[in-house]
Amino acid sequence: MGVPCRFEALMKGAFFVNKTGGFYWVDLMSTDAAGAREFYEKVLEWSSQDIPTPDGSTYMMLTHEGDLVAGLGEHSAAMKAQGVPSMWNSYVTVDDVAASVGAARNLGATIMLEPRTIEGAGTMAHIVDPVGAAFSLWQPDGHDGGEKFNTPNSLTWNELMTRDPVTAAEFYIALFGWSFEKVEDSEPPYTTIMNGPNMNGGLLDATTLLPDGAPSMWGVYFAVADTDATVDAAVAGGGRVIHGPVDMPGVGRTAVIADPQGAVFSVIRSEQPG
């Protein structure tokens, strides 16, 4: 069945929100939040609302047809000076951020941001796992995350690309209690991440895909109604096509895009019903 197998779980699984151990929120940290806002407003038809922050930095809630779909923030001056690239972040819901950070540290992760409480919203932390992939933790306390998934212009999948899927799986099993189900006949090898009975993302053996020196990474997929039209809009808006568009028979049409600030994301038009 080949490459399309890696996407079958994506389009057939039921996305879930606000459950411990699940992905429920993504945000973009950009070197140019204003430019990014303009790009995604055109490409994914998002609207935005500025949210005050304690340190005076820029953060926006992004919506589609009135529903929350993602967040957008700007790197600090120090991060820009250090050359930190624009990137999409995937958040995992936890009951106790401090406890999860302690467990992650004991399992070999690097803590990039210790637990930080945002009044009226929740507590967050940023982590790099033992294979080098960055992700975030979120303990909700007022902000419960995205309000729709799997519909055009909203999040539909989170995917870890790594050269060391065995070490990655061991870490996430120990930290979140996830389980992993191999997708048969998939090339490159692909594994579906399960959080209890729910599909919770994918794990891709990217040994032959990641460029030399590139770290493991968590990627995000947004559902779209028309992949080619989305790609055209992205290019017109200053983005760059990294891969595709390409058809996955029986699954959908996908593309990988970099926005004008360099943040990478994927889009897919589903051929699956519902």
Protein backbone atom coordinates (compact mmCIF):
# COMPACT_ATOMS: atom_id res chain seq x y z
CA MET A 1 0.00 0.00 0.00
CA GLY A 2 3.05 2.22 0.32
CA VAL A 3 3.23 5.84 1.40
CA PRO A 4 -0.54 6.52 1.55
CA CYS A 5 -0.78 4.25 4.61
CA ARG A 6 0.78 6.91 6.78
CA PHE A 7 -2.20 9.19 6.13
CA GLU A 8 -5.06 6.70 6.46
CA ALA A 9 -5.11 6.99 10.23
CA LEU A 10 -5.07 10.76 9.92
CA MET A 11 -8.29 10.95 7.98
CA LYS A 12 -10.16 8.06 9.63
CA GLY A 13 -9.41 8.73 13.28
CA ALA A 14 -11.63 10.80 15.56
CA PHE A 15 -9.76 13.85 16.80
CA PHE A 16 -10.47 14.63 20.43
CA VAL A 17 -9.90 17.64 22.64
CA ASN A 18 -9.50 18.61 26.29
CA LYS A 19 -8.40 15.18 27.44
CA THR A 20 -5.25 14.40 29.40
CA GLY A 21 -2.47 13.22 27.11
CA GLY A 22 -4.09 14.60 23.95
CA PHE A 23 -3.16 17.33 21.50
CA TYR A 24 -5.70 20.12 21.67
CA TRP A 25 -3.82 23.29 20.78
CA VAL A 26 -1.13 24.56 18.44
CA ASP A 27 0.46 27.94 18.16
CA LEU A 28 2.95 29.66 15.92
CA MET A 29 5.87 31.57 17.38
CA SER A 30 7.13 33.86 14.65
CA THR A 31 9.89 36.35 13.98
CA ASP A 32 7.21 38.59 12.46
CA ALA A 33 3.77 38.08 13.99
CA ALA A 34 2.15 40.84 11.93
CA GLY A 35 3.46 39.37 8.70
CA ALA A 36 2.41 35.88 9.73
CA ARG A 37 -1.07 37.09 10.61
CA GLU A 38 -1.48 38.60 7.14
CA PHE A 39 -0.26 35.38 5.51
CA TYR A 40 -2.59 33.01 7.38
CA GLU A 41 -5.55 35.34 7.01
CA LYS A 42 -5.16 34.96 3.25
CA VAL A 43 -4.13 31.30 3.07
CA LEU A 44 -6.35 29.68 5.73
CA GLU A 45 -8.99 32.41 6.02
CA TRP A 46 -8.27 32.96 9.70
CA SER A 47 -9.19 36.02 11.73
CA SER A 48 -7.23 37.22 14.73
CA GLN A 49 -7.71 38.94 18.07
CA ASP A 50 -4.87 40.47 20.08
CA ILE A 51 -4.59 39.18 23.64
CA PRO A 52 -2.82 41.25 26.32
CA THR A 53 0.17 39.51 27.90
CA PRO A 54 1.93 40.25 31.20
CA ASP A 55 5.26 41.01 29.50
CA GLY A 56 3.72 43.19 26.81
CA SER A 57 4.56 40.79 23.98
CA THR A 58 2.28 40.13 21.04
CA TYR A 59 -0.07 37.13 21.18
CA MET A 60 -3.14 36.55 19.06
CA MET A 61 -5.98 34.08 19.11
CA LEU A 62 -6.68 32.84 15.59
CA THR A 63 -10.21 31.88 14.63
CA HIS A 64 -12.06 30.46 11.66
CA GLU A 65 -15.73 31.36 11.33
CA GLY A 66 -15.69 32.39 14.99
CA ASP A 67 -14.11 29.21 16.38
CA LEU A 68 -10.65 29.14 17.97
CA VAL A 69 -8.18 27.17 15.87
CA ALA A 70 -4.66 28.28 16.91
CA GLY A 71 -2.50 30.93 18.55
CA LEU A 72 0.18 33.27 17.20
CA GLY A 73 2.98 34.94 19.13
CA GLU A 74 6.14 36.86 18.33
CA HIS A 75 9.65 35.92 19.39
CA SER A 76 11.25 38.16 21.98
CA ALA A 77 14.13 40.40 20.98
CA ALA A 78 16.52 37.99 22.68
CA MET A 79 15.16 35.02 20.71
CA LYS A 80 15.48 36.96 17.47
CA ALA A 81 19.07 37.88 18.35
CA GLN A 82 19.81 34.20 18.96
CA GLY A 83 18.37 33.30 15.56
CA VAL A 84 15.52 31.17 16.90
CA PRO A 85 13.45 30.24 13.83
CA SER A 86 9.71 30.67 13.41
CA MET A 87 7.95 27.41 14.24
CA TRP A 88 4.63 25.74 14.96
CA ASN A 89 4.28 24.28 18.47
CA SER A 90 2.14 21.28 19.45
CA TYR A 91 0.65 21.23 22.99
CA VAL A 92 -0.24 18.16 25.03
CA THR A 93 -2.84 18.52 27.77
CA VAL A 94 -1.75 17.38 31.23
CA ASP A 95 -3.32 17.44 34.69
CA ASP A 96 -0.18 18.74 36.41
CA VAL A 97 2.50 20.54 34.40
CA ALA A 98 5.03 20.51 37.23
CA ALA A 99 4.71 16.76 37.69
CA SER A 100 4.96 16.16 33.94
CA VAL A 101 8.05 18.35 33.68
CA GLY A 102 9.69 16.39 36.50
CA ALA A 103 8.86 13.10 34.84
CA ALA A 104 10.10 14.32 31.45
CA ARG A 105 13.39 15.46 32.97
CA ASN A 106 13.88 12.07 34.61
CA LEU A 107 13.24 10.42 31.24
CA GLY A 108 16.01 12.39 29.55
CA ALA A 109 14.16 15.41 28.18
CA THR A 110 15.53 18.96 28.25
CA ILE A 111 13.29 21.60 29.82
CA MET A 112 13.42 24.77 27.71
CA LEU A 113 10.81 26.64 29.74
CA GLU A 114 9.96 25.67 33.31
CA PRO A 115 6.24 25.77 34.25
CA ARG A 116 4.83 29.25 33.73
CA THR A 117 1.32 30.23 34.74
CA ILE A 118 -0.71 32.57 32.55
CA GLU A 119 -3.45 34.06 34.69
CA GLY A 120 -6.93 33.10 33.57
CA ALA A 121 -5.64 30.65 30.98
CA GLY A 122 -3.43 27.89 32.37
CA THR A 123 0.12 26.72 32.96
CA MET A 124 2.61 25.87 30.25
CA ALA A 125 6.08 24.42 29.79
CA HIS A 126 8.32 23.82 26.77
CA ILE A 127 10.27 20.59 26.41
CA VAL A 128 12.72 18.96 24.01
CA ASP A 129 12.35 15.19 24.06
CA PRO A 130 15.31 12.75 24.06
CA VAL A 131 15.35 12.58 20.23
CA GLY A 132 15.49 16.38 19.90
CA ALA A 133 11.86 17.22 19.08
CA ALA A 134 10.31 20.22 20.81
CA PHE A 135 6.76 20.21 22.16
CA SER A 136 4.76 21.97 24.85
CA LEU A 137 2.66 21.01 27.86
CA TRP A 138 -0.56 22.75 28.85
CA GLN A 139 -2.58 22.54 32.06
CA PRO A 140 -5.87 24.34 31.30
CA ASP A 141 -7.33 26.84 33.72
CA GLY A 142 -9.65 29.01 31.65
CA HIS A 143 -8.34 28.38 28.15
CA ASP A 144 -9.55 25.02 26.91
CA GLY A 145 -7.91 25.09 23.50
CA GLY A 146 -9.24 24.67 19.99
CA GLU A 147 -12.94 24.74 19.28
CA LYS A 148 -12.98 22.72 16.06
CA PHE A 149 -10.82 20.16 14.34
CA ASN A 150 -10.80 18.09 11.12
CA THR A 151 -12.83 20.65 9.18
CA PRO A 152 -11.33 22.93 6.51
CA ASN A 153 -8.89 25.50 7.92
CA SER A 154 -8.48 23.76 11.28
CA LEU A 155 -5.99 21.36 12.85
CA THR A 156 -6.32 17.74 11.81
CA TRP A 157 -3.09 15.92 12.83
CA ASN A 158 0.19 16.14 14.77
CA GLU A 159 3.16 14.12 13.55
CA LEU A 160 6.61 13.39 14.97
CA MET A 161 9.37 12.93 12.41
CA THR A 162 12.49 11.31 13.83
CA ARG A 163 15.43 9.08 12.93
CA ASP A 164 14.97 7.22 16.24
CA PRO A 165 11.32 6.18 16.54
CA VAL A 166 12.07 3.49 19.14
CA THR A 167 13.58 5.93 21.65
CA ALA A 168 10.80 8.43 20.94
CA ALA A 169 8.06 5.86 21.52
CA GLU A 170 9.65 4.69 24.78
CA PHE A 171 9.73 8.27 26.06
CA TYR A 172 6.10 9.08 25.26
CA ILE A 173 4.85 5.74 26.57
CA ALA A 174 6.52 6.46 29.88
CA LEU A 175 5.49 10.12 30.03
CA PHE A 176 1.89 10.05 28.78
CA GLY A 177 0.95 6.37 28.68
CA TRP A 178 0.53 6.50 24.91
CA SER A 179 0.54 3.30 22.87
CA PHE A 180 1.69 2.85 19.28
CA GLU A 181 0.12 0.87 16.45
CA LYS A 182 2.23 0.07 13.40
CA VAL A 183 0.68 0.88 10.03
CA GLU A 184 1.29 -2.21 7.92
CA ASP A 185 3.08 -1.94 4.57
CA SER A 186 3.89 1.73 5.11
CA GLU A 187 7.06 3.07 3.55
CA PRO A 188 8.70 4.93 5.23
CA PRO A 189 7.65 3.10 8.43
CA TYR A 190 4.74 4.79 10.16
CA THR A 191 3.09 4.28 13.55
CA THR A 192 -0.21 5.66 14.82
CA ILE A 193 -0.10 7.19 18.31
CA MET A 194 -2.96 6.17 20.57
CA ASN A 195 -4.05 7.92 23.78
CA GLY A 196 -6.30 5.28 25.28
CA PRO A 197 -8.81 4.37 22.54
CA ASN A 198 -8.28 7.63 20.66
CA MET A 199 -5.96 8.32 17.75
CA ASN A 200 -3.58 11.03 18.85
CA GLY A 201 -1.13 11.61 16.00
CA GLY A 202 1.57 9.81 14.09
CA LEU A 203 5.20 8.76 14.42
CA LEU A 204 7.19 8.72 11.18
CA ASP A 205 10.57 7.05 10.77
CA ALA A 206 12.19 9.92 8.91
CA THR A 207 15.68 8.43 8.61
CA THR A 208 15.63 8.85 4.83
CA LEU A 209 13.62 12.08 4.84
CA LEU A 210 15.24 14.53 7.28
CA PRO A 211 18.15 16.51 5.83
CA ASP A 212 21.58 16.05 7.39
CA GLY A 213 21.73 17.99 10.63
CA ALA A 214 17.97 18.55 10.83
CA PRO A 215 16.51 17.75 14.26
CA SER A 216 13.52 15.56 14.98
CA MET A 217 10.36 17.65 14.90
CA TRP A 218 6.66 17.69 15.63
CA GLY A 219 4.72 18.81 12.56
CA VAL A 220 1.15 20.06 12.21
CA TYR A 221 -1.43 19.38 9.50
CA PHE A 222 -4.35 21.65 8.71
CA ALA A 223 -7.37 20.37 6.80
CA VAL A 224 -8.28 22.37 3.70
CA ALA A 225 -11.06 22.24 1.12
CA ASP A 226 -8.70 22.58 -1.87
CA THR A 227 -4.99 21.80 -1.53
CA ASP A 228 -3.97 23.36 -4.84
CA ALA A 229 -5.84 26.58 -4.15
CA THR A 230 -4.22 26.74 -0.69
CA VAL A 231 -0.76 26.23 -2.21
CA ASP A 232 -1.42 28.95 -4.79
CA ALA A 233 -2.54 31.34 -2.05
CA ALA A 234 0.54 30.50 0.03
CA VAL A 235 2.92 31.21 -2.85
CA ALA A 236 1.09 34.43 -3.70
CA GLY A 237 1.41 35.45 -0.05
CA GLY A 238 5.17 34.94 0.02
CA GLY A 239 5.27 31.32 1.20
CA ARG A 240 7.29 28.48 -0.28
CA VAL A 241 6.24 24.96 -1.29
CA ILE A 242 8.52 22.32 0.20
CA HIS A 243 6.70 19.25 -1.09
CA GLY A 244 3.67 18.57 -3.26
CA PRO A 245 0.89 18.95 -3.91
CA VAL A 246 0.66 15.18 -4.17
CA ASP A 247 -2.27 12.76 -4.23
CA MET A 248 -2.57 9.95 -1.71
CA PRO A 249 -5.13 7.64 -3.38
CA GLY A 250 -8.16 7.09 -1.21
CA VAL A 251 -6.84 9.48 1.42
CA GLY A 252 -6.44 13.00 0.04
CA ARG A 253 -4.14 15.56 -1.50
CA THR A 254 -1.37 17.02 0.63
CA ALA A 255 1.40 19.61 0.52
CA VAL A 256 4.11 20.89 2.84
CA ILE A 257 4.52 24.67 2.99
CA ALA A 258 6.86 27.18 4.64
CA ASP A 259 5.32 30.55 5.50
CA PRO A 260 7.21 33.80 4.67
CA GLN A 261 8.99 33.66 8.04
CA GLY A 262 10.06 30.03 7.50
CA ALA A 263 7.61 28.16 9.76
CA VAL A 264 6.71 24.81 8.20
CA PHE A 265 3.22 23.28 8.18
CA SER A 266 1.27 20.77 6.09
CA VAL A 267 -2.18 20.89 4.53
CA ILE A 268 -4.42 18.07 3.37
CA ARG A 269 -7.74 17.80 1.57
CA SER A 270 -9.43 14.63 2.71
CA GLU A 271 -11.07 12.10 0.45
CA GLN A 272 -12.50 10.31 3.47
CA PRO A 273 -16.20 10.86 4.23
CA GLY A 274 -17.11 12.69 7.42
